[in-house]
Amino acid sequence: MTSYRNENSIDYVSSVKYGPNELANTILSGSSDKSIRLWDIRFGQQIQVFNGHTNQVFSVEYSPFVIKNNIGNSNVICSGSSDNTIRFWDTRSNKEELYVIEGDEKKDYGIYCLKFIELKKKDQTNNVTYNLILCYGSSRGRIGLWG
């Protein structure tokens, strides 16, 4: 795989994730240069770069969300940064982010890890409902839940 290096400074990769299911040949990375990058491991090439964070990216995650747009279905990824935001991105577009969650400045002070969890709940009639929750960890030791 081709490595990325910014020639003006020393940047490091702080998070990588291997793609699930239909994205099984991809790796997602987040780095100190404030970018998120999607790589094709079959060809060793960068597919997309996502910019929008104002500080280093500490966590990346493939989300279970799929959006429909004018070019078909697209997977969604998300990223957490020391800029205290979680940002959602369309994998087929390197345009602006889809959605931004602002962390609590006093309680969080930077997003350092992300994980989607799916909770099953049965009601009295044995119908099952699913709740999708995004958990995140912050630099102040707090675990936040969104969803």
Protein backbone atom coordinates (compact mmCIF):
# COMPACT_ATOMS: atom_id res chain seq x y z
CA MET A 1 0.00 0.00 0.00
CA THR A 2 1.18 3.49 -0.76
CA SER A 3 1.94 5.50 2.33
CA TYR A 4 0.94 9.09 2.83
CA ARG A 5 3.43 11.64 4.04
CA ASN A 6 3.09 15.38 4.19
CA GLU A 7 6.44 16.78 3.11
CA ASN A 8 6.04 19.97 5.16
CA SER A 9 5.67 18.29 8.53
CA ILE A 10 5.72 14.98 10.32
CA ASP A 11 2.16 13.65 10.44
CA TYR A 12 1.09 10.37 11.94
CA VAL A 13 -1.84 8.02 11.50
CA SER A 14 -3.78 7.72 14.75
CA SER A 15 -6.59 5.37 13.74
CA VAL A 16 -7.28 2.70 11.12
CA LYS A 17 -10.29 0.48 10.46
CA TYR A 18 -10.69 -2.38 8.02
CA GLY A 19 -13.89 -2.16 5.95
CA PRO A 20 -16.89 -4.38 6.63
CA ASN A 21 -18.88 -6.41 4.07
CA GLU A 22 -19.19 -4.46 0.80
CA LEU A 23 -16.25 -2.26 1.83
CA ALA A 24 -14.06 -5.27 2.67
CA ASN A 25 -11.23 -4.13 0.40
CA THR A 26 -10.85 -0.75 2.05
CA ILE A 27 -9.07 0.74 5.01
CA LEU A 28 -10.13 3.97 6.65
CA SER A 29 -7.49 6.13 8.35
CA GLY A 30 -7.44 9.27 10.47
CA SER A 31 -4.33 11.33 11.08
CA SER A 32 -2.69 14.27 12.73
CA ASP A 33 -2.94 16.29 9.49
CA LYS A 34 -6.73 16.62 10.23
CA SER A 35 -7.73 14.33 7.35
CA ILE A 36 -9.65 11.08 6.96
CA ARG A 37 -8.56 8.87 4.08
CA LEU A 38 -10.20 5.90 2.39
CA TRP A 39 -7.75 3.41 0.84
CA ASP A 40 -8.23 0.54 -1.61
CA ILE A 41 -5.99 -2.27 -0.34
CA ARG A 42 -6.18 -4.25 -3.61
CA PHE A 43 -4.40 -1.50 -5.52
CA GLY A 44 -2.60 0.21 -2.64
CA GLN A 45 -4.14 3.56 -3.51
CA GLN A 46 -6.03 6.31 -1.79
CA ILE A 47 -9.65 6.51 -2.98
CA GLN A 48 -10.87 9.59 -1.13
CA VAL A 49 -9.69 12.21 1.31
CA PHE A 50 -12.13 13.97 3.65
CA ASN A 51 -11.23 17.36 5.13
CA GLY A 52 -13.18 19.41 7.63
CA HIS A 53 -11.76 18.81 11.08
CA THR A 54 -9.82 21.69 12.58
CA ASN A 55 -7.52 19.48 14.65
CA GLN A 56 -6.07 15.97 14.55
CA VAL A 57 -8.35 13.00 13.90
CA PHE A 58 -8.08 10.37 16.62
CA SER A 59 -10.81 7.94 15.60
CA VAL A 60 -12.49 6.65 12.44
CA GLU A 61 -15.39 4.23 12.08
CA TYR A 62 -17.48 2.69 9.33
CA SER A 63 -21.10 3.44 10.20
CA PRO A 64 -24.06 1.15 9.51
CA PHE A 65 -25.85 3.99 7.69
CA VAL A 66 -26.37 3.98 3.94
CA ILE A 67 -27.68 7.02 2.10
CA LYS A 68 -29.36 7.24 -1.28
CA ASN A 69 -28.19 10.00 -3.58
CA ASN A 70 -28.05 10.79 -7.28
CA ILE A 71 -25.17 8.35 -7.88
CA GLY A 72 -26.79 5.41 -6.03
CA ASN A 73 -26.31 4.13 -2.52
CA SER A 74 -23.35 5.37 -0.50
CA ASN A 75 -21.88 4.15 2.74
CA VAL A 76 -21.28 6.56 5.57
CA ILE A 77 -18.15 6.85 7.70
CA CYS A 78 -17.54 8.95 10.77
CA SER A 79 -14.56 10.51 12.48
CA GLY A 80 -13.76 11.89 15.92
CA SER A 81 -11.22 14.63 16.52
CA SER A 82 -9.53 16.65 19.20
CA ASP A 83 -11.52 19.57 17.74
CA ASN A 84 -14.34 18.06 19.85
CA THR A 85 -16.53 17.01 16.92
CA ILE A 86 -17.81 13.81 15.36
CA ARG A 87 -18.30 14.20 11.63
CA PHE A 88 -20.20 11.96 9.19
CA TRP A 89 -19.07 11.60 5.56
CA ASP A 90 -20.44 10.07 2.34
CA THR A 91 -17.83 7.58 1.01
CA ARG A 92 -18.61 8.44 -2.62
CA SER A 93 -18.05 12.14 -2.19
CA ASN A 94 -15.20 14.16 -0.75
CA LYS A 95 -17.38 17.21 -0.33
CA GLU A 96 -18.44 18.72 2.98
CA GLU A 97 -19.52 16.45 5.78
CA LEU A 98 -23.08 15.12 6.01
CA TYR A 99 -23.57 15.87 9.69
CA VAL A 100 -21.60 17.17 12.68
CA ILE A 101 -22.04 16.37 16.36
CA GLU A 102 -20.46 18.91 18.68
CA GLY A 103 -19.07 17.46 21.91
CA ASP A 104 -19.63 19.18 25.24
CA GLU A 105 -16.65 21.51 25.57
CA LYS A 106 -16.46 21.28 29.37
CA LYS A 107 -17.17 17.53 29.67
CA ASP A 108 -15.47 16.10 26.57
CA TYR A 109 -12.59 18.26 25.33
CA GLY A 110 -11.86 16.06 22.29
CA ILE A 111 -13.27 12.83 20.85
CA TYR A 112 -10.80 9.96 21.03
CA CYS A 113 -12.70 6.78 20.16
CA LEU A 114 -15.95 5.77 18.44
CA LYS A 115 -18.06 2.61 18.35
CA PHE A 116 -21.52 1.85 16.97
CA ILE A 117 -23.60 -0.58 18.99
CA GLU A 118 -26.96 -2.08 18.12
CA LEU A 119 -29.32 -2.76 20.99
CA LYS A 120 -32.20 -5.23 20.61
CA LYS A 121 -35.31 -4.77 22.67
CA LYS A 122 -38.37 -7.03 22.85
CA ASP A 123 -41.72 -5.65 23.84
CA GLN A 124 -44.56 -7.58 25.49
CA THR A 125 -45.74 -8.96 22.12
CA ASN A 126 -42.23 -10.28 21.34
CA ASN A 127 -41.73 -7.69 18.60
CA VAL A 128 -38.08 -6.81 18.32
CA THR A 129 -36.93 -3.24 17.82
CA TYR A 130 -33.38 -2.14 17.19
CA ASN A 131 -31.77 0.98 18.52
CA LEU A 132 -28.49 2.14 17.04
CA ILE A 133 -26.27 4.11 19.40
CA LEU A 134 -22.92 5.76 18.78
CA CYS A 135 -20.64 5.59 21.82
CA TYR A 136 -17.65 7.87 22.07
CA GLY A 137 -14.83 8.38 24.51
CA SER A 138 -13.37 11.77 25.34
CA SER A 139 -10.07 13.05 26.68
CA ARG A 140 -11.66 13.90 30.03
CA GLY A 141 -12.59 10.26 30.65
CA ARG A 142 -16.25 10.62 29.78
CA ILE A 143 -18.19 8.13 27.68
CA GLY A 144 -20.92 9.77 25.62
CA LEU A 145 -23.89 8.18 23.88
CA TRP A 146 -25.65 9.53 20.82
CA GLY A 147 -28.67 8.05 19.11
